[in-house]
Amino acid sequence: MKSNFKIIVELGKVRISLPIALSALTGYVMFAGLLNSQGWLLALGVFFMSCSSSALNHWQESEIDAQMPRTKNRPIPSGKISRKGAFVVAIGFATIGSAVLILTNPIIALILSWATLFSYNLVYTPLKKVTAFAVIPGSMVGALPPMIGWAGAGGSLTSEIILLVATFFFIGQIPHFWLLLLMFGDQYKLAGMPSLNQIFNEGQIKRITYTWVLTTIASALLVIFFVFTNQIIMFFLLFYTFYLLSSLSLAVFVQKELAVRPAFFKLNFLYLFMMFFLIADSLLK
């Protein structure tokens, strides 16, 4: 039983699905101004929908995963579960997530959740086999969860506030992926996948990644100055944003060597801080 549970957790990529659920909860609290049972249930529904998308991704890419050292021990290529079994798990996740959302939130939350799954599994995942630039349309996966929460709470999707936040998470997905590419890009070649490593050399990828990091920081500043209202929270988020900017700039221009893994974690902390502080700012209004 414990082994089966571990396999299901791995298929659902829980460590990725939890921040996605938090992102949806962030959008909900931003509009509602409170944290109630509806918000938690929305986050739960989005969590299960994200787990479904992840399990479907395991099912879609099992042959590719078997060819890369980073992914060869995943449940399907390692033989822990069959492709059919993984697909059944994905359907189970989607059924639970859809039921939670439709029973506790407006229908728009469910529609946007399915749009997110569609964007990841039927747009981004197939495009990865065709072009090394699939991450651009695939980044919609990062933009939609906060919009799910915002709409679930009754907010308009044309509001400048949620569009600024969604834009930040959309842009932030791109350097996130490019940093992963710097860490594992050679493995994509082993699987016969198109990779930016085949188009640019490592130095060019680092410079382009740095440019996208700058764009992410610029979008973060727009959120800080046009969405936040609490000055103490703004100060702490500004402090971390400029710390990120200065540390990465020093690595690129002074040290001439970008430590990829630390940069990856520093960038991810910006996303987490943004979500936690947006929730705190909304609750303190």
C-alpha atoms as a PDB file:
ATOM      1  CA  MET A   1       0.000   0.000   0.000  1.00  0.00           C
ATOM      2  CA  LYS A   2       2.775   2.436   0.957  1.00  0.00           C
ATOM      3  CA  SER A   3       4.621   1.611  -2.266  1.00  0.00           C
ATOM      4  CA  ASN A   4       1.497   2.219  -4.374  1.00  0.00           C
ATOM      5  CA  PHE A   5       0.882   5.536  -2.638  1.00  0.00           C
ATOM      6  CA  LYS A   6       4.468   6.587  -3.356  1.00  0.00           C
ATOM      7  CA  ILE A   7       4.008   5.764  -7.043  1.00  0.00           C
ATOM      8  CA  ILE A   8       0.792   7.799  -7.212  1.00  0.00           C
ATOM      9  CA  VAL A   9       2.499  10.754  -5.509  1.00  0.00           C
ATOM     10  CA  GLU A  10       5.369  10.534  -7.986  1.00  0.00           C
ATOM     11  CA  LEU A  11       3.009  10.374 -10.960  1.00  0.00           C
ATOM     12  CA  GLY A  12       1.210  13.468  -9.692  1.00  0.00           C
ATOM     13  CA  LYS A  13       4.515  15.370  -9.269  1.00  0.00           C
ATOM     14  CA  VAL A  14       3.223  16.619  -5.932  1.00  0.00           C
ATOM     15  CA  ARG A  15       6.196  18.949  -5.360  1.00  0.00           C
ATOM     16  CA  ILE A  16       5.167  20.799  -8.543  1.00  0.00           C
ATOM     17  CA  SER A  17       1.407  20.485  -8.072  1.00  0.00           C
ATOM     18  CA  LEU A  18       1.461  22.056  -4.593  1.00  0.00           C
ATOM     19  CA  PRO A  19       2.914  25.425  -5.786  1.00  0.00           C
ATOM     20  CA  ILE A  20       0.395  25.409  -8.643  1.00  0.00           C
ATOM     21  CA  ALA A  21      -2.417  24.982  -6.131  1.00  0.00           C
ATOM     22  CA  LEU A  22      -0.883  27.766  -4.038  1.00  0.00           C
ATOM     23  CA  SER A  23      -0.862  29.978  -7.130  1.00  0.00           C
ATOM     24  CA  ALA A  24      -4.598  29.381  -7.604  1.00  0.00           C
ATOM     25  CA  LEU A  25      -5.216  30.092  -3.921  1.00  0.00           C
ATOM     26  CA  THR A  26      -3.263  33.329  -4.333  1.00  0.00           C
ATOM     27  CA  GLY A  27      -5.597  34.512  -7.078  1.00  0.00           C
ATOM     28  CA  TYR A  28      -8.620  33.614  -4.970  1.00  0.00           C
ATOM     29  CA  VAL A  29      -7.455  35.520  -1.880  1.00  0.00           C
ATOM     30  CA  MET A  30      -6.414  38.516  -3.980  1.00  0.00           C
ATOM     31  CA  PHE A  31     -10.015  39.062  -5.075  1.00  0.00           C
ATOM     32  CA  ALA A  32     -11.940  37.674  -2.099  1.00  0.00           C
ATOM     33  CA  GLY A  33      -9.744  39.334   0.526  1.00  0.00           C
ATOM     34  CA  LEU A  34     -10.192  36.336   2.810  1.00  0.00           C
ATOM     35  CA  LEU A  35      -9.216  32.721   3.155  1.00  0.00           C
ATOM     36  CA  ASN A  36     -12.314  30.535   3.519  1.00  0.00           C
ATOM     37  CA  SER A  37     -13.415  26.977   2.791  1.00  0.00           C
ATOM     38  CA  GLN A  38     -14.265  27.791  -0.827  1.00  0.00           C
ATOM     39  CA  GLY A  39     -10.715  29.017  -1.412  1.00  0.00           C
ATOM     40  CA  TRP A  40      -9.158  25.928   0.147  1.00  0.00           C
ATOM     41  CA  LEU A  41     -11.442  23.655  -1.875  1.00  0.00           C
ATOM     42  CA  LEU A  42     -10.548  25.538  -5.049  1.00  0.00           C
ATOM     43  CA  ALA A  43      -6.862  24.996  -4.276  1.00  0.00           C
ATOM     44  CA  LEU A  44      -7.569  21.303  -3.607  1.00  0.00           C
ATOM     45  CA  GLY A  45      -9.388  20.935  -6.915  1.00  0.00           C
ATOM     46  CA  VAL A  46      -6.586  22.657  -8.816  1.00  0.00           C
ATOM     47  CA  PHE A  47      -4.058  20.452  -7.012  1.00  0.00           C
ATOM     48  CA  PHE A  48      -5.769  17.278  -8.251  1.00  0.00           C
ATOM     49  CA  MET A  49      -6.104  18.705 -11.760  1.00  0.00           C
ATOM     50  CA  SER A  50      -2.396  19.500 -11.755  1.00  0.00           C
ATOM     51  CA  CYS A  51      -1.644  15.965 -10.544  1.00  0.00           C
ATOM     52  CA  SER A  52      -3.744  14.660 -13.425  1.00  0.00           C
ATOM     53  CA  SER A  53      -1.797  16.760 -15.928  1.00  0.00           C
ATOM     54  CA  SER A  54       1.488  15.496 -14.476  1.00  0.00           C
ATOM     55  CA  ALA A  55       0.380  11.857 -14.592  1.00  0.00           C
ATOM     56  CA  LEU A  56      -0.723  12.310 -18.200  1.00  0.00           C
ATOM     57  CA  ASN A  57       2.712  13.763 -18.926  1.00  0.00           C
ATOM     58  CA  HIS A  58       4.324  10.627 -17.473  1.00  0.00           C
ATOM     59  CA  TRP A  59       2.068   8.565 -19.744  1.00  0.00           C
ATOM     60  CA  GLN A  60       2.805  10.706 -22.824  1.00  0.00           C
ATOM     61  CA  GLU A  61       6.585  10.794 -22.381  1.00  0.00           C
ATOM     62  CA  SER A  62       7.346   7.362 -20.933  1.00  0.00           C
ATOM     63  CA  GLU A  63       9.480   6.347 -23.931  1.00  0.00           C
ATOM     64  CA  ILE A  64      11.445   9.608 -23.834  1.00  0.00           C
ATOM     65  CA  ASP A  65      11.860   9.370 -20.050  1.00  0.00           C
ATOM     66  CA  ALA A  66      13.418   5.911 -20.456  1.00  0.00           C
ATOM     67  CA  GLN A  67      16.249   7.426 -22.530  1.00  0.00           C
ATOM     68  CA  MET A  68      17.329  10.171 -20.106  1.00  0.00           C
ATOM     69  CA  PRO A  69      19.301   9.562 -16.871  1.00  0.00           C
ATOM     70  CA  ARG A  70      17.275  12.237 -15.056  1.00  0.00           C
ATOM     71  CA  THR A  71      13.943  10.540 -15.783  1.00  0.00           C
ATOM     72  CA  LYS A  72      14.686   6.847 -16.381  1.00  0.00           C
ATOM     73  CA  ASN A  73      13.694   5.944 -12.813  1.00  0.00           C
ATOM     74  CA  ARG A  74      10.232   7.476 -13.091  1.00  0.00           C
ATOM     75  CA  PRO A  75       7.337   5.057 -12.419  1.00  0.00           C
ATOM     76  CA  ILE A  76       6.622   3.938 -16.001  1.00  0.00           C
ATOM     77  CA  PRO A  77      10.149   3.498 -17.449  1.00  0.00           C
ATOM     78  CA  SER A  78      11.302   1.838 -14.214  1.00  0.00           C
ATOM     79  CA  GLY A  79       8.442  -0.678 -14.437  1.00  0.00           C
ATOM     80  CA  LYS A  80       6.782   0.351 -11.171  1.00  0.00           C
ATOM     81  CA  ILE A  81       3.488   0.896 -13.027  1.00  0.00           C
ATOM     82  CA  SER A  82       2.220   0.210 -16.535  1.00  0.00           C
ATOM     83  CA  ARG A  83       1.275   2.928 -19.011  1.00  0.00           C
ATOM     84  CA  LYS A  84      -2.347   1.818 -18.673  1.00  0.00           C
ATOM     85  CA  GLY A  85      -2.119   2.034 -14.899  1.00  0.00           C
ATOM     86  CA  ALA A  86      -0.632   5.549 -15.067  1.00  0.00           C
ATOM     87  CA  PHE A  87      -3.423   6.636 -17.416  1.00  0.00           C
ATOM     88  CA  VAL A  88      -6.039   5.313 -14.973  1.00  0.00           C
ATOM     89  CA  VAL A  89      -4.357   7.296 -12.170  1.00  0.00           C
ATOM     90  CA  ALA A  90      -4.460  10.437 -14.358  1.00  0.00           C
ATOM     91  CA  ILE A  91      -8.180   9.959 -15.017  1.00  0.00           C
ATOM     92  CA  GLY A  92      -8.749   9.442 -11.302  1.00  0.00           C
ATOM     93  CA  PHE A  93      -6.959  12.673 -10.434  1.00  0.00           C
ATOM     94  CA  ALA A  94      -8.956  14.586 -13.079  1.00  0.00           C
ATOM     95  CA  THR A  95     -12.254  13.129 -11.866  1.00  0.00           C
ATOM     96  CA  ILE A  96     -11.597  14.097  -8.244  1.00  0.00           C
ATOM     97  CA  GLY A  97     -10.324  17.562  -9.197  1.00  0.00           C
ATOM     98  CA  SER A  98     -13.273  18.266 -11.499  1.00  0.00           C
ATOM     99  CA  ALA A  99     -15.786  17.080  -8.901  1.00  0.00           C
ATOM    100  CA  VAL A 100     -14.280  19.269  -6.175  1.00  0.00           C
ATOM    101  CA  LEU A 101     -14.264  22.337  -8.409  1.00  0.00           C
ATOM    102  CA  ILE A 102     -17.732  21.954  -9.896  1.00  0.00           C
ATOM    103  CA  LEU A 103     -19.317  21.293  -6.491  1.00  0.00           C
ATOM    104  CA  THR A 104     -17.662  24.188  -4.650  1.00  0.00           C
ATOM    105  CA  ASN A 105     -16.826  26.925  -7.167  1.00  0.00           C
ATOM    106  CA  PRO A 106     -18.208  28.714 -10.236  1.00  0.00           C
ATOM    107  CA  ILE A 107     -17.999  26.714 -13.479  1.00  0.00           C
ATOM    108  CA  ILE A 108     -15.356  29.108 -14.830  1.00  0.00           C
ATOM    109  CA  ALA A 109     -12.829  27.641 -12.360  1.00  0.00           C
ATOM    110  CA  LEU A 110     -13.336  24.175 -13.818  1.00  0.00           C
ATOM    111  CA  ILE A 111     -13.171  25.468 -17.402  1.00  0.00           C
ATOM    112  CA  LEU A 112      -9.889  27.278 -16.755  1.00  0.00           C
ATOM    113  CA  SER A 113      -8.471  24.213 -14.991  1.00  0.00           C
ATOM    114  CA  TRP A 114      -9.198  22.089 -18.038  1.00  0.00           C
ATOM    115  CA  ALA A 115      -7.717  24.839 -20.228  1.00  0.00           C
ATOM    116  CA  THR A 116      -4.531  24.588 -18.172  1.00  0.00           C
ATOM    117  CA  LEU A 117      -4.414  20.820 -18.628  1.00  0.00           C
ATOM    118  CA  PHE A 118      -5.043  21.260 -22.362  1.00  0.00           C
ATOM    119  CA  SER A 119      -2.261  23.843 -22.592  1.00  0.00           C
ATOM    120  CA  TYR A 120       0.268  21.559 -20.916  1.00  0.00           C
ATOM    121  CA  ASN A 121      -0.627  18.139 -22.289  1.00  0.00           C
ATOM    122  CA  LEU A 122      -2.027  18.908 -25.734  1.00  0.00           C
ATOM    123  CA  VAL A 123       0.014  21.989 -26.671  1.00  0.00           C
ATOM    124  CA  TYR A 124       3.309  22.143 -24.772  1.00  0.00           C
ATOM    125  CA  THR A 125       4.072  18.422 -24.490  1.00  0.00           C
ATOM    126  CA  PRO A 126       3.599  17.595 -28.219  1.00  0.00           C
ATOM    127  CA  LEU A 127       5.416  20.796 -29.257  1.00  0.00           C
ATOM    128  CA  LYS A 128       8.494  19.736 -27.249  1.00  0.00           C
ATOM    129  CA  LYS A 129       9.060  17.052 -29.886  1.00  0.00           C
ATOM    130  CA  VAL A 130       8.854  19.603 -32.699  1.00  0.00           C
ATOM    131  CA  THR A 131      10.584  22.769 -31.539  1.00  0.00           C
ATOM    132  CA  ALA A 132      13.061  23.848 -28.908  1.00  0.00           C
ATOM    133  CA  PHE A 133      10.915  26.954 -28.332  1.00  0.00           C
ATOM    134  CA  ALA A 134       7.846  25.066 -27.061  1.00  0.00           C
ATOM    135  CA  VAL A 135       8.356  26.744 -23.681  1.00  0.00           C
ATOM    136  CA  ILE A 136       6.916  30.024 -25.017  1.00  0.00           C
ATOM    137  CA  PRO A 137       3.323  28.774 -25.550  1.00  0.00           C
ATOM    138  CA  GLY A 138       3.857  26.279 -22.732  1.00  0.00           C
ATOM    139  CA  SER A 139       4.328  29.114 -20.269  1.00  0.00           C
ATOM    140  CA  MET A 140       0.569  29.672 -20.258  1.00  0.00           C
ATOM    141  CA  VAL A 141       0.561  26.863 -17.705  1.00  0.00           C
ATOM    142  CA  GLY A 142       2.117  29.296 -15.227  1.00  0.00           C
ATOM    143  CA  ALA A 143      -0.250  32.152 -16.037  1.00  0.00           C
ATOM    144  CA  LEU A 144      -3.582  30.340 -15.722  1.00  0.00           C
ATOM    145  CA  PRO A 145      -3.659  29.072 -12.079  1.00  0.00           C
ATOM    146  CA  PRO A 146      -3.853  32.525 -10.419  1.00  0.00           C
ATOM    147  CA  MET A 147      -6.570  33.404 -12.942  1.00  0.00           C
ATOM    148  CA  ILE A 148      -8.488  30.266 -11.902  1.00  0.00           C
ATOM    149  CA  GLY A 149      -8.492  31.471  -8.308  1.00  0.00           C
ATOM    150  CA  TRP A 150      -9.378  35.050  -9.216  1.00  0.00           C
ATOM    151  CA  ALA A 151     -12.302  33.952 -11.409  1.00  0.00           C
ATOM    152  CA  GLY A 152     -13.401  31.376  -8.833  1.00  0.00           C
ATOM    153  CA  ALA A 153     -13.761  34.173  -6.283  1.00  0.00           C
ATOM    154  CA  GLY A 154     -15.854  36.188  -8.736  1.00  0.00           C
ATOM    155  CA  GLY A 155     -13.206  38.414 -10.322  1.00  0.00           C
ATOM    156  CA  SER A 156     -13.147  39.543 -13.945  1.00  0.00           C
ATOM    157  CA  LEU A 157     -10.406  38.032 -16.106  1.00  0.00           C
ATOM    158  CA  THR A 158      -9.914  41.403 -17.800  1.00  0.00           C
ATOM    159  CA  SER A 159      -8.851  43.086 -14.546  1.00  0.00           C
ATOM    160  CA  GLU A 160      -5.449  44.762 -14.809  1.00  0.00           C
ATOM    161  CA  ILE A 161      -4.464  43.392 -11.389  1.00  0.00           C
ATOM    162  CA  ILE A 162      -4.808  39.706 -12.249  1.00  0.00           C
ATOM    163  CA  LEU A 163      -3.370  40.261 -15.727  1.00  0.00           C
ATOM    164  CA  LEU A 164      -0.219  41.782 -14.184  1.00  0.00           C
ATOM    165  CA  VAL A 165       0.146  38.828 -11.822  1.00  0.00           C
ATOM    166  CA  ALA A 166      -0.545  36.296 -14.581  1.00  0.00           C
ATOM    167  CA  THR A 167       2.017  38.017 -16.818  1.00  0.00           C
ATOM    168  CA  PHE A 168       4.653  37.722 -14.086  1.00  0.00           C
ATOM    169  CA  PHE A 169       4.085  33.973 -13.787  1.00  0.00           C
ATOM    170  CA  PHE A 170       3.942  33.578 -17.574  1.00  0.00           C
ATOM    171  CA  ILE A 171       7.287  35.288 -18.090  1.00  0.00           C
ATOM    172  CA  GLY A 172       8.820  33.548 -15.094  1.00  0.00           C
ATOM    173  CA  GLN A 173       8.256  30.117 -16.633  1.00  0.00           C
ATOM    174  CA  ILE A 174      10.716  30.870 -19.442  1.00  0.00           C
ATOM    175  CA  PRO A 175      13.967  31.444 -17.480  1.00  0.00           C
ATOM    176  CA  HIS A 176      12.848  28.612 -15.183  1.00  0.00           C
ATOM    177  CA  PHE A 177      12.925  26.272 -18.176  1.00  0.00           C
ATOM    178  CA  TRP A 178      16.133  27.698 -19.635  1.00  0.00           C
ATOM    179  CA  LEU A 179      17.961  27.173 -16.334  1.00  0.00           C
ATOM    180  CA  LEU A 180      16.744  23.574 -16.333  1.00  0.00           C
ATOM    181  CA  LEU A 181      18.100  23.324 -19.863  1.00  0.00           C
ATOM    182  CA  LEU A 182      21.527  24.452 -18.718  1.00  0.00           C
ATOM    183  CA  MET A 183      21.460  21.688 -16.107  1.00  0.00           C
ATOM    184  CA  PHE A 184      20.005  18.871 -18.198  1.00  0.00           C
ATOM    185  CA  GLY A 185      20.058  20.006 -21.839  1.00  0.00           C
ATOM    186  CA  ASP A 186      22.478  17.302 -22.964  1.00  0.00           C
ATOM    187  CA  GLN A 187      20.004  14.656 -21.864  1.00  0.00           C
ATOM    188  CA  TYR A 188      17.409  15.957 -24.334  1.00  0.00           C
ATOM    189  CA  LYS A 189      19.854  15.060 -27.108  1.00  0.00           C
ATOM    190  CA  LEU A 190      19.985  11.476 -25.837  1.00  0.00           C
ATOM    191  CA  ALA A 191      16.206  11.249 -26.277  1.00  0.00           C
ATOM    192  CA  GLY A 192      16.309  12.839 -29.743  1.00  0.00           C
ATOM    193  CA  MET A 193      14.410  15.908 -28.550  1.00  0.00           C
ATOM    194  CA  PRO A 194      15.048  19.321 -30.097  1.00  0.00           C
ATOM    195  CA  SER A 195      17.045  21.386 -27.645  1.00  0.00           C
ATOM    196  CA  LEU A 196      18.294  24.939 -27.497  1.00  0.00           C
ATOM    197  CA  ASN A 197      21.726  23.444 -26.915  1.00  0.00           C
ATOM    198  CA  GLN A 198      21.633  22.501 -30.588  1.00  0.00           C
ATOM    199  CA  ILE A 199      20.973  26.109 -31.609  1.00  0.00           C
ATOM    200  CA  PHE A 200      22.989  28.144 -29.086  1.00  0.00           C
ATOM    201  CA  ASN A 201      26.210  27.461 -27.223  1.00  0.00           C
ATOM    202  CA  GLU A 202      26.261  27.434 -23.416  1.00  0.00           C
ATOM    203  CA  GLY A 203      27.461  31.036 -23.153  1.00  0.00           C
ATOM    204  CA  GLN A 204      24.659  32.274 -25.394  1.00  0.00           C
ATOM    205  CA  ILE A 205      22.068  30.320 -23.425  1.00  0.00           C
ATOM    206  CA  LYS A 206      23.341  31.863 -20.189  1.00  0.00           C
ATOM    207  CA  ARG A 207      23.111  35.380 -21.624  1.00  0.00           C
ATOM    208  CA  ILE A 208      19.633  34.776 -23.017  1.00  0.00           C
ATOM    209  CA  THR A 209      18.550  33.246 -19.711  1.00  0.00           C
ATOM    210  CA  TYR A 210      19.898  36.292 -17.881  1.00  0.00           C
ATOM    211  CA  THR A 211      17.854  38.514 -20.207  1.00  0.00           C
ATOM    212  CA  TRP A 212      14.706  36.550 -19.376  1.00  0.00           C
ATOM    213  CA  VAL A 213      15.539  36.813 -15.678  1.00  0.00           C
ATOM    214  CA  LEU A 214      15.722  40.596 -16.103  1.00  0.00           C
ATOM    215  CA  THR A 215      12.323  40.506 -17.816  1.00  0.00           C
ATOM    216  CA  THR A 216      10.930  38.450 -14.941  1.00  0.00           C
ATOM    217  CA  ILE A 217      12.302  40.962 -12.426  1.00  0.00           C
ATOM    218  CA  ALA A 218      10.771  43.835 -14.424  1.00  0.00           C
ATOM    219  CA  SER A 219       7.377  42.119 -14.348  1.00  0.00           C
ATOM    220  CA  ALA A 220       7.826  41.495 -10.609  1.00  0.00           C
ATOM    221  CA  LEU A 221       8.436  45.207 -10.064  1.00  0.00           C
ATOM    222  CA  LEU A 222       5.215  46.014 -11.924  1.00  0.00           C
ATOM    223  CA  VAL A 223       3.320  43.719  -9.561  1.00  0.00           C
ATOM    224  CA  ILE A 224       5.059  45.195  -6.507  1.00  0.00           C
ATOM    225  CA  PHE A 225       4.272  48.807  -7.401  1.00  0.00           C
ATOM    226  CA  PHE A 226       0.802  48.384  -8.942  1.00  0.00           C
ATOM    227  CA  VAL A 227      -0.735  45.490  -6.982  1.00  0.00           C
ATOM    228  CA  PHE A 228       0.703  45.556  -3.461  1.00  0.00           C
ATOM    229  CA  THR A 229      -0.543  48.063  -0.902  1.00  0.00           C
ATOM    230  CA  ASN A 230       1.309  47.102   2.301  1.00  0.00           C
ATOM    231  CA  GLN A 231       4.585  49.017   2.409  1.00  0.00           C
ATOM    232  CA  ILE A 232       6.366  46.587   4.747  1.00  0.00           C
ATOM    233  CA  ILE A 233       5.610  43.656   2.438  1.00  0.00           C
ATOM    234  CA  MET A 234       6.669  45.751  -0.552  1.00  0.00           C
ATOM    235  CA  PHE A 235       9.988  46.489   1.133  1.00  0.00           C
ATOM    236  CA  PHE A 236      10.793  42.832   1.823  1.00  0.00           C
ATOM    237  CA  LEU A 237       9.845  41.750  -1.687  1.00  0.00           C
ATOM    238  CA  LEU A 238      11.832  44.617  -3.222  1.00  0.00           C
ATOM    239  CA  PHE A 239      14.811  43.649  -1.082  1.00  0.00           C
ATOM    240  CA  TYR A 240      14.729  40.074  -2.327  1.00  0.00           C
ATOM    241  CA  THR A 241      14.131  41.146  -5.934  1.00  0.00           C
ATOM    242  CA  PHE A 242      17.181  43.393  -5.936  1.00  0.00           C
ATOM    243  CA  TYR A 243      19.200  40.725  -4.145  1.00  0.00           C
ATOM    244  CA  LEU A 244      18.306  38.323  -6.968  1.00  0.00           C
ATOM    245  CA  LEU A 245      19.205  40.927  -9.577  1.00  0.00           C
ATOM    246  CA  SER A 246      22.540  41.813  -7.994  1.00  0.00           C
ATOM    247  CA  SER A 247      23.637  38.225  -7.291  1.00  0.00           C
ATOM    248  CA  LEU A 248      22.884  37.037 -10.818  1.00  0.00           C
ATOM    249  CA  SER A 249      24.424  40.158 -12.373  1.00  0.00           C
ATOM    250  CA  LEU A 250      27.629  39.617 -10.398  1.00  0.00           C
ATOM    251  CA  ALA A 251      27.712  36.002 -11.532  1.00  0.00           C
ATOM    252  CA  VAL A 252      27.294  36.977 -15.193  1.00  0.00           C
ATOM    253  CA  PHE A 253      29.457  40.092 -15.442  1.00  0.00           C
ATOM    254  CA  VAL A 254      32.050  39.800 -12.671  1.00  0.00           C
ATOM    255  CA  GLN A 255      32.544  36.121 -11.963  1.00  0.00           C
ATOM    256  CA  LYS A 256      31.913  35.240 -15.611  1.00  0.00           C
ATOM    257  CA  GLU A 257      30.349  31.990 -14.428  1.00  0.00           C
ATOM    258  CA  LEU A 258      26.661  31.578 -13.717  1.00  0.00           C
ATOM    259  CA  ALA A 259      26.131  28.935 -11.036  1.00  0.00           C
ATOM    260  CA  VAL A 260      23.028  27.430 -12.609  1.00  0.00           C
ATOM    261  CA  ARG A 261      21.552  25.425  -9.746  1.00  0.00           C
ATOM    262  CA  PRO A 262      21.727  28.277  -7.156  1.00  0.00           C
ATOM    263  CA  ALA A 263      20.264  30.655  -9.757  1.00  0.00           C
ATOM    264  CA  PHE A 264      17.428  28.189 -10.375  1.00  0.00           C
ATOM    265  CA  PHE A 265      16.533  28.027  -6.680  1.00  0.00           C
ATOM    266  CA  LYS A 266      16.850  31.790  -6.181  1.00  0.00           C
ATOM    267  CA  LEU A 267      14.417  32.374  -9.041  1.00  0.00           C
ATOM    268  CA  ASN A 268      11.960  29.830  -7.667  1.00  0.00           C
ATOM    269  CA  PHE A 269      12.076  31.546  -4.285  1.00  0.00           C
ATOM    270  CA  LEU A 270      10.960  34.747  -6.006  1.00  0.00           C
ATOM    271  CA  TYR A 271       7.845  32.960  -7.275  1.00  0.00           C
ATOM    272  CA  LEU A 272       7.108  31.513  -3.833  1.00  0.00           C
ATOM    273  CA  PHE A 273       7.663  34.829  -2.063  1.00  0.00           C
ATOM    274  CA  MET A 274       5.426  36.557  -4.597  1.00  0.00           C
ATOM    275  CA  MET A 275       2.567  34.138  -3.854  1.00  0.00           C
ATOM    276  CA  PHE A 276       2.930  34.246  -0.059  1.00  0.00           C
ATOM    277  CA  PHE A 277       3.239  38.033   0.011  1.00  0.00           C
ATOM    278  CA  LEU A 278       0.279  38.553  -2.358  1.00  0.00           C
ATOM    279  CA  ILE A 279      -1.830  36.438   0.000  1.00  0.00           C
ATOM    280  CA  ALA A 280      -0.583  38.333   3.059  1.00  0.00           C
ATOM    281  CA  ASP A 281      -1.103  41.732   1.400  1.00  0.00           C
ATOM    282  CA  SER A 282      -4.671  40.824   0.430  1.00  0.00           C
ATOM    283  CA  LEU A 283      -5.540  39.566   3.914  1.00  0.00           C
ATOM    284  CA  LEU A 284      -4.116  42.702   5.551  1.00  0.00           C
ATOM    285  CA  LYS A 285      -6.092  45.192   3.433  1.00  0.00           C
END
